[in-house]
C-alpha atoms as a PDB file:
ATOM      1  CA  MET A   1      -9.883  46.931 -24.225  1.00  0.00           C
ATOM      2  CA  ALA A   2     -12.634  47.408 -21.530  1.00  0.00           C
ATOM      3  CA  THR A   3     -11.093  44.864 -19.475  1.00  0.00           C
ATOM      4  CA  LYS A   4      -7.756  46.304 -19.631  1.00  0.00           C
ATOM      5  CA  GLN A   5      -9.092  49.709 -18.542  1.00  0.00           C
ATOM      6  CA  ALA A   6     -11.071  47.843 -15.507  1.00  0.00           C
ATOM      7  CA  GLY A   7      -7.787  46.537 -14.349  1.00  0.00           C
ATOM      8  CA  LYS A   8      -6.045  49.624 -14.426  1.00  0.00           C
ATOM      9  CA  GLN A   9      -8.705  51.394 -12.374  1.00  0.00           C
ATOM     10  CA  ALA A  10      -8.667  48.370  -9.960  1.00  0.00           C
ATOM     11  CA  ASN A  11      -4.738  48.634  -9.601  1.00  0.00           C
ATOM     12  CA  LYS A  12      -4.990  52.387  -8.829  1.00  0.00           C
ATOM     13  CA  GLN A  13      -7.574  51.830  -6.129  1.00  0.00           C
ATOM     14  CA  ALA A  14      -5.788  49.131  -4.570  1.00  0.00           C
ATOM     15  CA  ILE A  15      -2.608  51.137  -4.363  1.00  0.00           C
ATOM     16  CA  THR A  16      -4.414  54.120  -2.897  1.00  0.00           C
ATOM     17  CA  LEU A  17      -6.069  51.716  -0.353  1.00  0.00           C
ATOM     18  CA  LYS A  18      -2.540  50.300   0.421  1.00  0.00           C
ATOM     19  CA  GLY A  19      -1.065  53.679   0.748  1.00  0.00           C
ATOM     20  CA  SER A  20      -3.721  54.837   3.164  1.00  0.00           C
ATOM     21  CA  ALA A  21      -3.691  51.697   5.226  1.00  0.00           C
ATOM     22  CA  VAL A  22       0.178  52.361   5.986  1.00  0.00           C
ATOM     23  CA  LEU A  23      -0.280  55.937   6.695  1.00  0.00           C
ATOM     24  CA  VAL A  24      -2.809  54.789   9.375  1.00  0.00           C
ATOM     25  CA  THR A  25      -0.774  52.130  10.640  1.00  0.00           C
ATOM     26  CA  GLU A  26       2.042  54.586  10.780  1.00  0.00           C
ATOM     27  CA  PHE A  27       0.211  57.058  13.028  1.00  0.00           C
ATOM     28  CA  PHE A  28      -1.132  54.421  15.139  1.00  0.00           C
ATOM     29  CA  LYS A  29       2.710  53.432  16.125  1.00  0.00           C
ATOM     30  CA  TYR A  30       3.340  57.079  16.898  1.00  0.00           C
ATOM     31  CA  ALA A  31       0.165  57.714  18.919  1.00  0.00           C
ATOM     32  CA  VAL A  32       0.414  54.458  20.973  1.00  0.00           C
ATOM     33  CA  ASN A  33       4.009  55.642  21.678  1.00  0.00           C
ATOM     34  CA  THR A  34       3.189  59.057  22.671  1.00  0.00           C
ATOM     35  CA  ILE A  35       0.292  57.597  24.872  1.00  0.00           C
ATOM     36  CA  LEU A  36       2.657  55.115  26.850  1.00  0.00           C
ATOM     37  CA  PHE A  37       5.518  57.929  27.065  1.00  0.00           C
ATOM     38  CA  GLN A  38       2.973  60.651  28.471  1.00  0.00           C
ATOM     39  CA  ARG A  39       0.961  58.467  30.627  1.00  0.00           C
ATOM     40  CA  GLU A  40       4.258  57.165  32.108  1.00  0.00           C
ATOM     41  CA  VAL A  41       3.374  53.361  31.426  1.00  0.00           C
ATOM     42  CA  TYR A  42       6.882  52.882  30.734  1.00  0.00           C
ATOM     43  CA  PRO A  43      10.025  54.887  32.180  1.00  0.00           C
ATOM     44  CA  SER A  44      11.056  57.893  30.074  1.00  0.00           C
ATOM     45  CA  ASP A  45      14.434  56.508  29.624  1.00  0.00           C
ATOM     46  CA  ASP A  46      12.960  53.673  27.492  1.00  0.00           C
ATOM     47  CA  PHE A  47      12.253  56.140  24.960  1.00  0.00           C
ATOM     48  CA  HIS A  48      13.978  58.074  22.393  1.00  0.00           C
ATOM     49  CA  MET A  49      13.698  61.159  19.853  1.00  0.00           C
ATOM     50  CA  VAL A  50      12.787  60.575  16.338  1.00  0.00           C
ATOM     51  CA  LYS A  51      11.868  63.410  13.672  1.00  0.00           C
ATOM     52  CA  LYS A  52       8.271  62.424  12.157  1.00  0.00           C
ATOM     53  CA  TYR A  53       5.629  64.727  10.619  1.00  0.00           C
ATOM     54  CA  GLY A  54       7.949  67.622  11.029  1.00  0.00           C
ATOM     55  CA  GLN A  55       8.260  67.543  14.698  1.00  0.00           C
ATOM     56  CA  THR A  56      10.360  65.266  17.204  1.00  0.00           C
ATOM     57  CA  VAL A  57       8.378  62.233  18.514  1.00  0.00           C
ATOM     58  CA  LEU A  58       9.015  59.738  21.046  1.00  0.00           C
ATOM     59  CA  VAL A  59       9.331  56.176  20.464  1.00  0.00           C
ATOM     60  CA  THR A  60      10.324  53.090  22.515  1.00  0.00           C
ATOM     61  CA  GLN A  61      13.973  51.709  22.693  1.00  0.00           C
ATOM     62  CA  ASP A  62      12.796  48.622  24.859  1.00  0.00           C
ATOM     63  CA  LEU A  63      12.900  45.555  22.262  1.00  0.00           C
ATOM     64  CA  ALA A  64      10.222  43.447  23.701  1.00  0.00           C
ATOM     65  CA  LEU A  65       7.582  46.520  23.421  1.00  0.00           C
ATOM     66  CA  GLU A  66       8.910  47.478  20.124  1.00  0.00           C
ATOM     67  CA  ASN A  67       8.676  43.816  18.864  1.00  0.00           C
ATOM     68  CA  TYR A  68       5.157  43.300  20.418  1.00  0.00           C
ATOM     69  CA  LEU A  69       3.833  46.871  18.976  1.00  0.00           C
ATOM     70  CA  GLU A  70       5.188  45.576  15.675  1.00  0.00           C
ATOM     71  CA  ARG A  71       3.373  42.303  15.529  1.00  0.00           C
ATOM     72  CA  ILE A  72       0.068  44.220  16.508  1.00  0.00           C
ATOM     73  CA  LEU A  73       0.591  47.037  13.805  1.00  0.00           C
ATOM     74  CA  SER A  74       1.610  44.596  11.105  1.00  0.00           C
ATOM     75  CA  GLN A  75      -1.890  42.665  11.795  1.00  0.00           C
ATOM     76  CA  MET A  76      -3.763  45.936  12.095  1.00  0.00           C
ATOM     77  CA  GLN A  77      -2.463  47.120   8.595  1.00  0.00           C
ATOM     78  CA  LYS A  78      -3.776  44.075   6.880  1.00  0.00           C
ATOM     79  CA  TRP A  79      -7.043  44.467   8.631  1.00  0.00           C
ATOM     80  CA  ILE A  80      -7.362  47.931   7.390  1.00  0.00           C
ATOM     81  CA  LEU A  81      -6.490  46.572   3.872  1.00  0.00           C
ATOM     82  CA  THR A  82      -9.450  44.375   4.164  1.00  0.00           C
ATOM     83  CA  GLY A  83     -11.808  46.766   5.773  1.00  0.00           C
ATOM     84  CA  SER A  84     -12.281  44.150   8.576  1.00  0.00           C
ATOM     85  CA  VAL A  85     -11.381  46.595  11.506  1.00  0.00           C
ATOM     86  CA  ASN A  86     -13.363  49.660  12.828  1.00  0.00           C
ATOM     87  CA  GLN A  87     -11.754  50.556  16.031  1.00  0.00           C
ATOM     88  CA  LEU A  88      -8.407  50.648  17.979  1.00  0.00           C
ATOM     89  CA  VAL A  89      -8.369  51.000  21.809  1.00  0.00           C
ATOM     90  CA  VAL A  90      -5.316  51.609  24.024  1.00  0.00           C
ATOM     91  CA  ALA A  91      -6.585  50.839  27.700  1.00  0.00           C
ATOM     92  CA  ILE A  92      -4.288  51.835  30.847  1.00  0.00           C
ATOM     93  CA  ILE A  93      -4.948  49.477  33.555  1.00  0.00           C
ATOM     94  CA  SER A  94      -3.975  49.649  37.143  1.00  0.00           C
ATOM     95  CA  LYS A  95      -1.041  47.105  37.457  1.00  0.00           C
ATOM     96  CA  ASP A  96      -2.355  46.056  40.992  1.00  0.00           C
ATOM     97  CA  THR A  97      -6.145  46.154  41.084  1.00  0.00           C
ATOM     98  CA  ARG A  98      -6.645  45.698  37.145  1.00  0.00           C
ATOM     99  CA  ILE A  99      -9.256  48.702  37.131  1.00  0.00           C
ATOM    100  CA  PRO A 100      -9.223  50.357  33.763  1.00  0.00           C
ATOM    101  CA  LEU A 101      -8.272  53.991  34.150  1.00  0.00           C
ATOM    102  CA  GLU A 102      -8.154  55.014  30.453  1.00  0.00           C
ATOM    103  CA  ARG A 103      -9.405  54.044  27.054  1.00  0.00           C
ATOM    104  CA  TRP A 104      -8.125  56.051  24.193  1.00  0.00           C
ATOM    105  CA  VAL A 105     -10.229  55.179  21.385  1.00  0.00           C
ATOM    106  CA  PHE A 106      -9.697  55.657  17.371  1.00  0.00           C
ATOM    107  CA  ASP A 107     -12.223  54.723  15.164  1.00  0.00           C
ATOM    108  CA  ILE A 108     -11.416  53.867  11.787  1.00  0.00           C
ATOM    109  CA  MET A 109     -13.776  54.856   8.637  1.00  0.00           C
ATOM    110  CA  LEU A 110     -13.891  55.009   5.112  1.00  0.00           C
ATOM    111  CA  VAL A 111     -14.146  58.399   3.509  1.00  0.00           C
ATOM    112  CA  GLU A 112     -17.493  59.106   2.039  1.00  0.00           C
ATOM    113  CA  PRO A 113     -17.405  59.973  -1.561  1.00  0.00           C
ATOM    114  CA  PRO A 114     -17.868  63.749  -2.474  1.00  0.00           C
ATOM    115  CA  ALA A 115     -21.557  64.845  -2.254  1.00  0.00           C
ATOM    116  CA  GLY A 116     -23.239  65.929  -5.447  1.00  0.00           C
ATOM    117  CA  VAL A 117     -25.063  64.257  -8.159  1.00  0.00           C
ATOM    118  CA  GLU A 118     -23.185  63.292 -11.376  1.00  0.00           C
ATOM    119  CA  GLY A 119     -23.403  66.197 -13.737  1.00  0.00           C
ATOM    120  CA  SER A 120     -24.409  68.839 -11.263  1.00  0.00           C
ATOM    121  CA  GLU A 121     -22.879  72.010 -10.866  1.00  0.00           C
ATOM    122  CA  ASP A 122     -21.450  70.739  -7.430  1.00  0.00           C
ATOM    123  CA  SER A 123     -19.654  67.999  -9.086  1.00  0.00           C
ATOM    124  CA  ASN A 124     -19.024  68.986 -12.539  1.00  0.00           C
ATOM    125  CA  ASN A 125     -17.762  65.422 -13.342  1.00  0.00           C
ATOM    126  CA  ALA A 126     -14.750  66.602 -12.047  1.00  0.00           C
ATOM    127  CA  PRO A 127     -12.719  63.634 -10.022  1.00  0.00           C
ATOM    128  CA  ARG A 128     -11.879  64.422  -6.389  1.00  0.00           C
ATOM    129  CA  GLN A 129      -8.356  66.030  -6.041  1.00  0.00           C
ATOM    130  CA  PRO A 130      -6.004  63.915  -3.892  1.00  0.00           C
ATOM    131  CA  LYS A 131      -5.552  65.290  -0.475  1.00  0.00           C
ATOM    132  CA  PRO A 132      -2.023  67.018   0.031  1.00  0.00           C
ATOM    133  CA  GLU A 133       0.204  64.684   1.998  1.00  0.00           C
ATOM    134  CA  ALA A 134       1.492  68.138   3.882  1.00  0.00           C
ATOM    135  CA  GLU A 135      -2.351  68.515   4.894  1.00  0.00           C
ATOM    136  CA  ILE A 136      -2.405  64.925   6.090  1.00  0.00           C
ATOM    137  CA  GLN A 137       0.585  65.525   8.365  1.00  0.00           C
ATOM    138  CA  SER A 138      -0.713  68.569   9.484  1.00  0.00           C
ATOM    139  CA  GLU A 139      -3.748  66.941  11.085  1.00  0.00           C
ATOM    140  CA  ILE A 140      -1.564  64.083  12.411  1.00  0.00           C
ATOM    141  CA  ARG A 141       0.706  66.574  13.941  1.00  0.00           C
ATOM    142  CA  ALA A 142      -2.353  68.230  15.718  1.00  0.00           C
ATOM    143  CA  ILE A 143      -3.864  65.032  17.267  1.00  0.00           C
ATOM    144  CA  LEU A 144      -0.041  64.047  18.713  1.00  0.00           C
ATOM    145  CA  LYS A 145       0.266  67.443  20.214  1.00  0.00           C
ATOM    146  CA  GLN A 146      -3.360  66.988  21.750  1.00  0.00           C
ATOM    147  CA  ILE A 147      -2.263  63.670  23.271  1.00  0.00           C
ATOM    148  CA  ILE A 148       0.540  65.578  24.878  1.00  0.00           C
ATOM    149  CA  SER A 149      -1.427  68.386  26.108  1.00  0.00           C
ATOM    150  CA  MET A 150      -4.045  66.005  27.658  1.00  0.00           C
ATOM    151  CA  VAL A 151      -1.399  65.594  30.505  1.00  0.00           C
ATOM    152  CA  THR A 152      -2.418  68.944  31.891  1.00  0.00           C
ATOM    153  CA  TYR A 153      -6.200  67.832  31.779  1.00  0.00           C
ATOM    154  CA  LEU A 154      -6.445  63.902  32.743  1.00  0.00           C
ATOM    155  CA  PRO A 155      -6.055  62.973  36.307  1.00  0.00           C
ATOM    156  CA  VAL A 156      -2.665  62.492  37.555  1.00  0.00           C
ATOM    157  CA  ILE A 157      -2.061  58.383  37.852  1.00  0.00           C
ATOM    158  CA  HIS A 158      -0.292  57.867  41.171  1.00  0.00           C
ATOM    159  CA  GLU A 159       0.108  54.077  40.683  1.00  0.00           C
ATOM    160  CA  PRO A 160       1.991  51.408  38.361  1.00  0.00           C
ATOM    161  CA  THR A 161      -0.120  50.632  35.205  1.00  0.00           C
ATOM    162  CA  VAL A 162       0.101  48.221  32.290  1.00  0.00           C
ATOM    163  CA  PHE A 163      -1.726  48.550  29.043  1.00  0.00           C
ATOM    164  CA  ASN A 164      -3.463  46.656  26.835  1.00  0.00           C
ATOM    165  CA  ILE A 165      -4.568  46.962  22.810  1.00  0.00           C
ATOM    166  CA  LEU A 166      -7.912  45.764  21.687  1.00  0.00           C
ATOM    167  CA  ALA A 167      -9.072  45.828  18.059  1.00  0.00           C
ATOM    168  CA  TYR A 168     -12.665  45.636  17.113  1.00  0.00           C
ATOM    169  CA  THR A 169     -13.077  43.636  14.053  1.00  0.00           C
ATOM    170  CA  SER A 170     -15.583  42.324  11.994  1.00  0.00           C
ATOM    171  CA  GLU A 171     -16.635  38.804  12.211  1.00  0.00           C
ATOM    172  CA  SER A 172     -15.344  37.821   8.793  1.00  0.00           C
ATOM    173  CA  ALA A 173     -11.848  39.029   9.871  1.00  0.00           C
ATOM    174  CA  ASP A 174      -8.887  36.833   9.614  1.00  0.00           C
ATOM    175  CA  VAL A 175      -7.701  36.435  12.971  1.00  0.00           C
ATOM    176  CA  PRO A 176      -4.187  34.663  13.638  1.00  0.00           C
ATOM    177  CA  VAL A 177      -4.786  31.888  16.100  1.00  0.00           C
ATOM    178  CA  GLY A 178      -3.105  32.204  19.409  1.00  0.00           C
ATOM    179  CA  GLU A 179      -2.362  35.986  18.821  1.00  0.00           C
ATOM    180  CA  TRP A 180      -5.544  37.559  19.317  1.00  0.00           C
ATOM    181  CA  VAL A 181      -8.230  36.478  21.751  1.00  0.00           C
ATOM    182  CA  ASP A 182     -11.572  37.850  22.440  1.00  0.00           C
ATOM    183  CA  THR A 183     -11.343  39.562  26.065  1.00  0.00           C
ATOM    184  CA  ASP A 184     -12.859  41.849  28.407  1.00  0.00           C
ATOM    185  CA  PRO A 185     -13.494  45.632  26.825  1.00  0.00           C
ATOM    186  CA  LEU A 186     -12.091  46.909  29.954  1.00  0.00           C
ATOM    187  CA  ALA A 187     -14.490  49.757  29.847  1.00  0.00           C
ATOM    188  CA  ILE A 188     -14.833  52.348  32.710  1.00  0.00           C
ATOM    189  CA  GLU A 189     -18.139  52.362  34.698  1.00  0.00           C
ATOM    190  CA  ALA A 190     -20.292  54.864  33.175  1.00  0.00           C
ATOM    191  CA  SER A 191     -21.030  56.650  36.675  1.00  0.00           C
ATOM    192  CA  LYS A 192     -17.204  57.077  36.795  1.00  0.00           C
ATOM    193  CA  SER A 193     -16.467  57.770  33.023  1.00  0.00           C
ATOM    194  CA  GLN A 194     -15.548  61.279  31.832  1.00  0.00           C
ATOM    195  CA  GLN A 195     -14.845  61.730  27.835  1.00  0.00           C
ATOM    196  CA  VAL A 196     -12.846  64.202  25.788  1.00  0.00           C
ATOM    197  CA  LYS A 197     -13.162  64.115  21.878  1.00  0.00           C
ATOM    198  CA  MET A 198     -10.210  64.555  20.424  1.00  0.00           C
ATOM    199  CA  ARG A 199      -9.021  65.685  16.916  1.00  0.00           C
ATOM    200  CA  SER A 200      -9.387  63.600  13.503  1.00  0.00           C
ATOM    201  CA  PHE A 201      -7.317  63.224  10.276  1.00  0.00           C
ATOM    202  CA  SER A 202      -8.265  61.700   7.166  1.00  0.00           C
ATOM    203  CA  THR A 203      -6.505  60.416   3.924  1.00  0.00           C
ATOM    204  CA  ASP A 204      -8.283  60.171   0.670  1.00  0.00           C
ATOM    205  CA  VAL A 205      -9.726  56.631   1.878  1.00  0.00           C
ATOM    206  CA  HIS A 206      -9.886  56.577   5.609  1.00  0.00           C
ATOM    207  CA  ARG A 207     -10.971  58.823   8.525  1.00  0.00           C
ATOM    208  CA  ILE A 208      -9.606  58.382  12.002  1.00  0.00           C
ATOM    209  CA  GLU A 209     -11.658  59.911  15.106  1.00  0.00           C
ATOM    210  CA  ALA A 210     -10.141  59.869  18.488  1.00  0.00           C
ATOM    211  CA  MET A 211     -11.228  60.349  21.897  1.00  0.00           C
ATOM    212  CA  VAL A 212      -9.950  59.406  25.582  1.00  0.00           C
ATOM    213  CA  ALA A 213     -12.594  58.219  28.168  1.00  0.00           C
ATOM    214  CA  TYR A 214     -10.916  58.420  31.867  1.00  0.00           C
ATOM    215  CA  ARG A 215     -11.967  57.182  35.195  1.00  0.00           C
ATOM    216  CA  TYR A 216     -12.849  60.236  37.277  1.00  0.00           C
ATOM    217  CA  GLU A 217     -13.830  59.820  41.323  1.00  0.00           C
ATOM    218  CA  GLU A 218     -14.623  62.976  43.003  1.00  0.00           C
END
């Protein structure tokens, strides 16, 4: 009987983790698309509007880019499920000089268990209530809106750019051969870098914190 109960609890946790991994990966999809559109890495004609999180978001309709992002995000979801990735970076680079201009950084963390000792007045042995989906979507909307509003704050980019996606994984991560390779972190020189911390969102399992670093020269 104890074995069956343990199995049920394990399955419940696995479903919760899987659902959170899907939510986080989906957020990355729309965040990356929003960054590429807002920073004009791709022409605006390459994007179309879709409804998501109760608002309009822009998603690429360039088939090559769509397939590229799909491959990356599919692998990201697997890494999130196994807890072997802790950061995703979208780096925007000068096409001609290869100098990094911006780094959009998303830290992936496990949510801390509720504070309080078992049996205390703080916990009362009560299970933590699931976070409402509406609240999660509201937090995601706030980040996407912040990415859009950053256009008025970040330096104008006057040159053609390309982008690269970096995933920071643990040494034990299962990395598909030929699809991901060790690469330069594409860091911006400290003396020419400015940073802005952005909003965050969390599920019952993961917390995503965001920031953008950009090249600034007087």
